[in-house]
Amino acid sequence: EGSRGRPACASFQRARLLVPPQASMSSARYDRAITVFSPDGHLFQVEYAMEAVQKGTTAVGVRGKEQIVIGVEKKSTAKLQDPRTIRKIHQLDESICLSFAGLTADARVLINRARVECQSYRLTLEDSPSVEYIARYVAGIQQRYTQRPGVRPFGISLLICGFDAAGEPQLYQTDPSGTYSAWKATATGKQAKNVREFLEKKYDEGVADPVKLTIKALLEVVESGSKNIEVAVMSRGETLRLLTEDEVAARVAEIEAEQAAEEEKAAKPSAA
């Protein structure tokens, strides 16, 4: 018996019920707490936020010599829904714009904060902010949400692009962990790895037609053609311009015609 007259075996059984299995302890300890590292160095909530990004629609950014192009895969809207309210390309400043993949509500918060920071920078320094400054500012916000209790990471990845004071095009990407990096061409969202591999093969310095390359990259993952593609172009000294549906459709038709001609040309030797 135990020290108070209770059977020792009953105390032992009760203690066993209070101790969960090791796997459950590991999951509860590291899987839910955002500020606790797992033994192998992972922050699982940040990794889950990156999974949310990978489930978002694809966004592609390509830096040309005179232009920067952003292309996105549009979600199909309901018949009675106004498509103008579903936007994935946003202008932050006269020479800076962005797109995103992931949770739209999270993106709206960061977009508003980035716009306020652009205006605050202009008011304080009487100059336009650089693309790197805004990318670093947004990444700093994302990073702070990975180490504070009671919050969760932003489930989005941003493509921030524009022109610096010297007129050179710049393209940056941020992710939920709070890191940011400069790119010549990149993609984020669903099947971003496949699109990035395509860009690595097709991109060259001073690409002559970044619009065409962007649309071709999106066609690697978009099945419905021009209907679900939105493209924006920012040129040196000009503001952001969204291509019309007719312009995108014409570009897609041109690309498909070229691909059909190449396939026909490749099939002729084998037929002979």
Protein backbone atom coordinates (compact mmCIF):
# COMPACT_ATOMS: atom_id res chain seq x y z
CA GLU A 1 0.00 0.00 0.00
CA GLY A 2 0.96 3.63 -0.39
CA SER A 3 1.90 5.99 2.41
CA ARG A 4 -1.73 7.10 2.92
CA GLY A 5 -3.30 3.66 2.80
CA ARG A 6 -4.10 3.68 -0.93
CA PRO A 7 -2.95 0.81 -3.08
CA ALA A 8 0.41 1.55 -4.62
CA CYS A 9 -0.70 -0.01 -7.91
CA ALA A 10 -3.61 2.45 -8.18
CA SER A 11 -1.26 5.41 -7.74
CA PHE A 12 1.04 3.95 -10.36
CA GLN A 13 -1.81 3.49 -12.84
CA ARG A 14 -3.04 7.05 -12.23
CA ALA A 15 0.45 8.43 -12.83
CA ARG A 16 0.66 6.53 -16.11
CA LEU A 17 -2.57 8.13 -17.29
CA LEU A 18 -1.22 11.60 -16.56
CA VAL A 19 1.92 11.10 -18.69
CA PRO A 20 1.15 11.19 -22.42
CA PRO A 21 3.11 9.09 -24.91
CA GLN A 22 6.39 10.53 -26.11
CA ALA A 23 5.11 11.24 -29.61
CA SER A 24 2.17 13.21 -28.27
CA MET A 25 4.46 15.18 -25.95
CA SER A 26 6.73 16.05 -28.87
CA SER A 27 3.83 17.17 -31.02
CA ALA A 28 2.16 19.26 -28.32
CA ARG A 29 5.43 20.83 -27.21
CA TYR A 30 6.86 21.92 -30.56
CA ASP A 31 3.99 21.85 -33.03
CA ARG A 32 1.78 24.53 -31.52
CA ALA A 33 4.11 26.98 -29.81
CA ILE A 34 5.44 29.50 -32.30
CA THR A 35 8.37 30.61 -30.12
CA VAL A 36 9.69 27.12 -29.26
CA PHE A 37 12.27 25.36 -31.42
CA SER A 38 12.00 21.62 -31.95
CA PRO A 39 15.09 19.54 -31.03
CA ASP A 40 16.19 19.46 -34.68
CA GLY A 41 15.95 23.26 -35.04
CA HIS A 42 12.55 23.73 -36.67
CA LEU A 43 9.85 26.31 -36.02
CA PHE A 44 6.87 24.31 -37.19
CA GLN A 45 4.39 27.19 -37.33
CA VAL A 46 6.69 29.08 -39.71
CA GLU A 47 6.96 25.99 -41.90
CA TYR A 48 3.18 25.65 -41.89
CA ALA A 49 2.94 29.28 -43.03
CA MET A 50 5.22 28.41 -45.94
CA GLU A 51 2.86 25.56 -46.78
CA ALA A 52 0.04 28.13 -46.96
CA VAL A 53 2.13 30.07 -49.48
CA GLN A 54 2.58 26.96 -51.61
CA LYS A 55 -1.18 26.49 -51.73
CA GLY A 56 -1.69 30.01 -53.08
CA THR A 57 -1.98 30.90 -56.76
CA THR A 58 1.26 31.39 -58.65
CA ALA A 59 2.99 34.78 -58.97
CA VAL A 60 5.96 35.40 -61.29
CA GLY A 61 8.37 38.33 -61.45
CA VAL A 62 10.87 38.96 -64.26
CA ARG A 63 13.43 41.77 -64.32
CA GLY A 64 14.24 43.07 -67.78
CA LYS A 65 16.67 45.74 -68.92
CA GLU A 66 14.09 48.52 -69.20
CA GLN A 67 11.05 46.87 -67.60
CA ILE A 68 9.87 44.79 -64.69
CA VAL A 69 6.98 42.43 -65.28
CA ILE A 70 4.74 40.73 -62.73
CA GLY A 71 2.34 38.01 -63.78
CA VAL A 72 -0.16 36.22 -61.57
CA GLU A 73 -2.61 33.38 -61.85
CA LYS A 74 -6.07 34.76 -61.17
CA LYS A 75 -8.63 32.82 -59.20
CA SER A 76 -11.83 32.13 -61.08
CA THR A 77 -14.59 34.35 -59.69
CA ALA A 78 -18.26 33.64 -59.18
CA LYS A 79 -20.63 34.75 -61.91
CA LEU A 80 -22.12 37.56 -59.81
CA GLN A 81 -18.82 38.64 -58.23
CA ASP A 82 -17.05 41.80 -59.34
CA PRO A 83 -13.59 40.66 -60.53
CA ARG A 84 -12.13 44.14 -59.88
CA THR A 85 -12.29 43.43 -56.13
CA ILE A 86 -10.01 40.37 -56.49
CA ARG A 87 -6.57 41.82 -57.15
CA LYS A 88 -3.14 40.29 -56.63
CA ILE A 89 -1.03 43.12 -58.07
CA HIS A 90 -0.86 46.33 -56.02
CA GLN A 91 1.00 49.59 -56.35
CA LEU A 92 2.78 50.85 -53.22
CA ASP A 93 4.47 53.99 -54.53
CA GLU A 94 5.09 55.72 -57.84
CA SER A 95 7.95 53.35 -58.66
CA ILE A 96 7.20 50.30 -56.46
CA CYS A 97 4.60 47.57 -56.80
CA LEU A 98 4.11 44.05 -55.45
CA SER A 99 2.29 40.78 -55.85
CA PHE A 100 1.86 37.88 -53.45
CA ALA A 101 0.99 34.24 -52.95
CA GLY A 102 -0.80 32.95 -49.88
CA LEU A 103 -3.53 34.32 -47.64
CA THR A 104 -5.15 37.41 -49.16
CA ALA A 105 -6.26 38.83 -45.79
CA ASP A 106 -2.67 38.68 -44.49
CA ALA A 107 -1.44 40.39 -47.66
CA ARG A 108 -3.89 43.26 -47.20
CA VAL A 109 -2.40 44.04 -43.78
CA LEU A 110 1.19 44.13 -45.06
CA ILE A 111 0.25 46.08 -48.20
CA ASN A 112 -1.41 48.80 -46.12
CA ARG A 113 1.57 49.02 -43.76
CA ALA A 114 3.99 49.19 -46.69
CA ARG A 115 1.99 52.00 -48.29
CA VAL A 116 1.99 53.98 -45.04
CA GLU A 117 5.75 53.47 -44.74
CA CYS A 118 6.26 54.74 -48.31
CA GLN A 119 4.35 57.92 -47.52
CA SER A 120 6.12 58.34 -44.17
CA TYR A 121 9.50 57.98 -45.89
CA ARG A 122 8.56 60.65 -48.44
CA LEU A 123 7.28 62.99 -45.73
CA THR A 124 10.40 62.57 -43.58
CA LEU A 125 13.18 62.46 -46.18
CA GLU A 126 11.47 64.20 -49.13
CA ASP A 127 12.51 61.37 -51.41
CA SER A 128 11.02 58.13 -52.68
CA PRO A 129 11.98 54.93 -50.82
CA SER A 130 14.10 52.31 -52.53
CA VAL A 131 12.75 48.87 -53.38
CA GLU A 132 15.26 47.26 -51.01
CA TYR A 133 14.16 49.53 -48.15
CA ILE A 134 10.50 48.49 -48.52
CA ALA A 135 11.46 44.81 -48.91
CA ARG A 136 13.56 45.03 -45.72
CA TYR A 137 10.76 46.84 -43.88
CA VAL A 138 8.11 44.26 -44.82
CA ALA A 139 10.47 41.36 -44.07
CA GLY A 140 11.13 42.89 -40.64
CA ILE A 141 7.41 42.85 -39.86
CA GLN A 142 7.13 39.23 -41.00
CA GLN A 143 10.12 38.23 -38.86
CA ARG A 144 8.72 39.86 -35.71
CA TYR A 145 5.62 37.71 -36.04
CA THR A 146 7.74 34.56 -35.79
CA GLN A 147 9.06 35.22 -32.28
CA ARG A 148 6.20 36.78 -30.35
CA PRO A 149 3.76 34.73 -28.28
CA GLY A 150 0.07 35.12 -29.01
CA VAL A 151 0.48 35.81 -32.74
CA ARG A 152 1.02 33.70 -35.83
CA PRO A 153 3.26 34.18 -38.89
CA PHE A 154 1.96 35.89 -42.01
CA GLY A 155 1.00 33.17 -44.48
CA ILE A 156 2.23 35.03 -47.55
CA SER A 157 5.26 35.49 -49.75
CA LEU A 158 5.69 38.85 -51.50
CA LEU A 159 7.32 39.81 -54.80
CA ILE A 160 8.29 43.49 -54.48
CA CYS A 161 9.66 45.24 -57.55
CA GLY A 162 10.38 48.70 -58.91
CA PHE A 163 13.15 51.07 -59.96
CA ASP A 164 15.82 52.58 -57.73
CA ALA A 165 17.09 56.18 -57.79
CA ALA A 166 19.54 55.34 -60.59
CA GLY A 167 16.74 53.93 -62.73
CA GLU A 168 17.83 50.31 -62.35
CA PRO A 169 15.12 47.65 -62.03
CA GLN A 170 14.97 45.73 -58.74
CA LEU A 171 13.07 42.58 -57.75
CA TYR A 172 12.89 41.20 -54.19
CA GLN A 173 11.08 38.30 -52.58
CA THR A 174 10.10 37.90 -48.92
CA ASP A 175 8.80 34.80 -47.15
CA PRO A 176 6.96 34.07 -43.86
CA SER A 177 10.20 33.57 -41.94
CA GLY A 178 11.15 37.21 -42.54
CA THR A 179 14.00 36.70 -44.99
CA TYR A 180 14.26 38.71 -48.19
CA SER A 181 16.50 38.39 -51.23
CA ALA A 182 17.05 39.99 -54.64
CA TRP A 183 16.26 38.09 -57.83
CA LYS A 184 16.55 38.45 -61.60
CA ALA A 185 13.46 36.31 -62.07
CA THR A 186 11.52 34.21 -59.59
CA ALA A 187 8.16 32.69 -58.74
CA THR A 188 6.18 31.97 -55.59
CA GLY A 189 3.02 30.07 -54.79
CA LYS A 190 1.69 26.85 -56.21
CA GLN A 191 4.22 24.88 -58.31
CA ALA A 192 6.76 27.69 -57.86
CA LYS A 193 9.61 25.20 -58.10
CA ASN A 194 8.59 24.13 -61.62
CA VAL A 195 8.20 27.72 -62.76
CA ARG A 196 11.56 28.69 -61.27
CA GLU A 197 13.24 25.81 -63.09
CA PHE A 198 11.65 27.02 -66.34
CA LEU A 199 12.92 30.55 -65.72
CA GLU A 200 16.43 29.26 -65.00
CA LYS A 201 16.47 27.63 -68.43
CA LYS A 202 14.95 30.51 -70.40
CA TYR A 203 16.17 33.65 -68.65
CA ASP A 204 19.22 35.53 -69.91
CA GLU A 205 20.72 38.88 -68.97
CA GLY A 206 18.92 41.81 -70.56
CA VAL A 207 15.99 39.67 -71.68
CA ALA A 208 14.45 41.38 -74.71
CA ASP A 209 10.79 40.59 -73.97
CA PRO A 210 10.14 40.02 -70.26
CA VAL A 211 6.36 40.10 -70.82
CA LYS A 212 6.57 37.12 -73.13
CA LEU A 213 8.83 35.19 -70.74
CA THR A 214 6.48 35.90 -67.82
CA ILE A 215 3.42 34.65 -69.68
CA LYS A 216 5.26 31.55 -70.92
CA ALA A 217 6.30 30.78 -67.33
CA LEU A 218 2.70 31.10 -66.12
CA LEU A 219 1.43 28.88 -68.93
CA GLU A 220 3.55 26.11 -67.42
CA VAL A 221 1.08 25.90 -64.51
CA VAL A 222 -2.09 27.70 -65.68
CA GLU A 223 -4.37 25.39 -67.62
CA SER A 224 -7.12 27.77 -68.73
CA GLY A 225 -4.88 30.01 -70.82
CA SER A 226 -5.29 33.79 -70.89
CA LYS A 227 -8.55 33.82 -68.89
CA ASN A 228 -6.77 33.25 -65.60
CA ILE A 229 -3.64 35.32 -66.23
CA GLU A 230 -3.05 38.90 -65.14
CA VAL A 231 0.09 40.80 -66.14
CA ALA A 232 1.41 44.20 -65.05
CA VAL A 233 4.35 46.08 -66.55
CA MET A 234 6.44 48.82 -64.96
CA SER A 235 8.82 50.68 -67.24
CA ARG A 236 11.56 53.13 -66.34
CA GLY A 237 10.06 56.56 -65.65
CA GLU A 238 6.48 55.28 -65.96
CA THR A 239 3.84 54.08 -63.52
CA LEU A 240 2.44 50.58 -63.28
CA ARG A 241 0.32 49.48 -66.24
CA LEU A 242 -1.98 46.47 -66.24
CA LEU A 243 -2.30 44.67 -69.55
CA THR A 244 -5.86 44.37 -70.80
CA GLU A 245 -7.48 40.97 -71.30
CA ASP A 246 -7.20 41.42 -75.08
CA GLU A 247 -3.48 42.16 -74.85
CA VAL A 248 -2.88 39.08 -72.70
CA ALA A 249 -5.00 36.92 -75.02
CA ALA A 250 -3.03 38.15 -78.05
CA ARG A 251 0.27 37.32 -76.34
CA VAL A 252 -0.96 33.86 -75.35
CA ALA A 253 -2.14 33.18 -78.89
CA GLU A 254 1.27 34.24 -80.23
CA ILE A 255 3.09 31.94 -77.79
CA GLU A 256 0.81 28.99 -78.57
CA ALA A 257 1.31 29.53 -82.32
CA GLU A 258 5.10 29.50 -81.85
CA GLN A 259 4.93 26.33 -79.78
CA ALA A 260 2.74 24.62 -82.38
CA ALA A 261 5.20 25.59 -85.14
CA GLU A 262 8.13 24.23 -83.11
CA GLU A 263 6.32 20.95 -82.45
CA GLU A 264 5.49 20.60 -86.14
CA LYS A 265 9.09 21.32 -87.10
CA ALA A 266 10.37 18.77 -84.59
CA ALA A 267 7.93 16.12 -85.86
CA LYS A 268 8.96 16.41 -89.55
CA PRO A 269 12.35 14.60 -89.31
CA SER A 270 10.83 11.69 -87.41
CA ALA A 271 8.04 11.41 -89.98
CA ALA A 272 10.60 11.37 -92.79
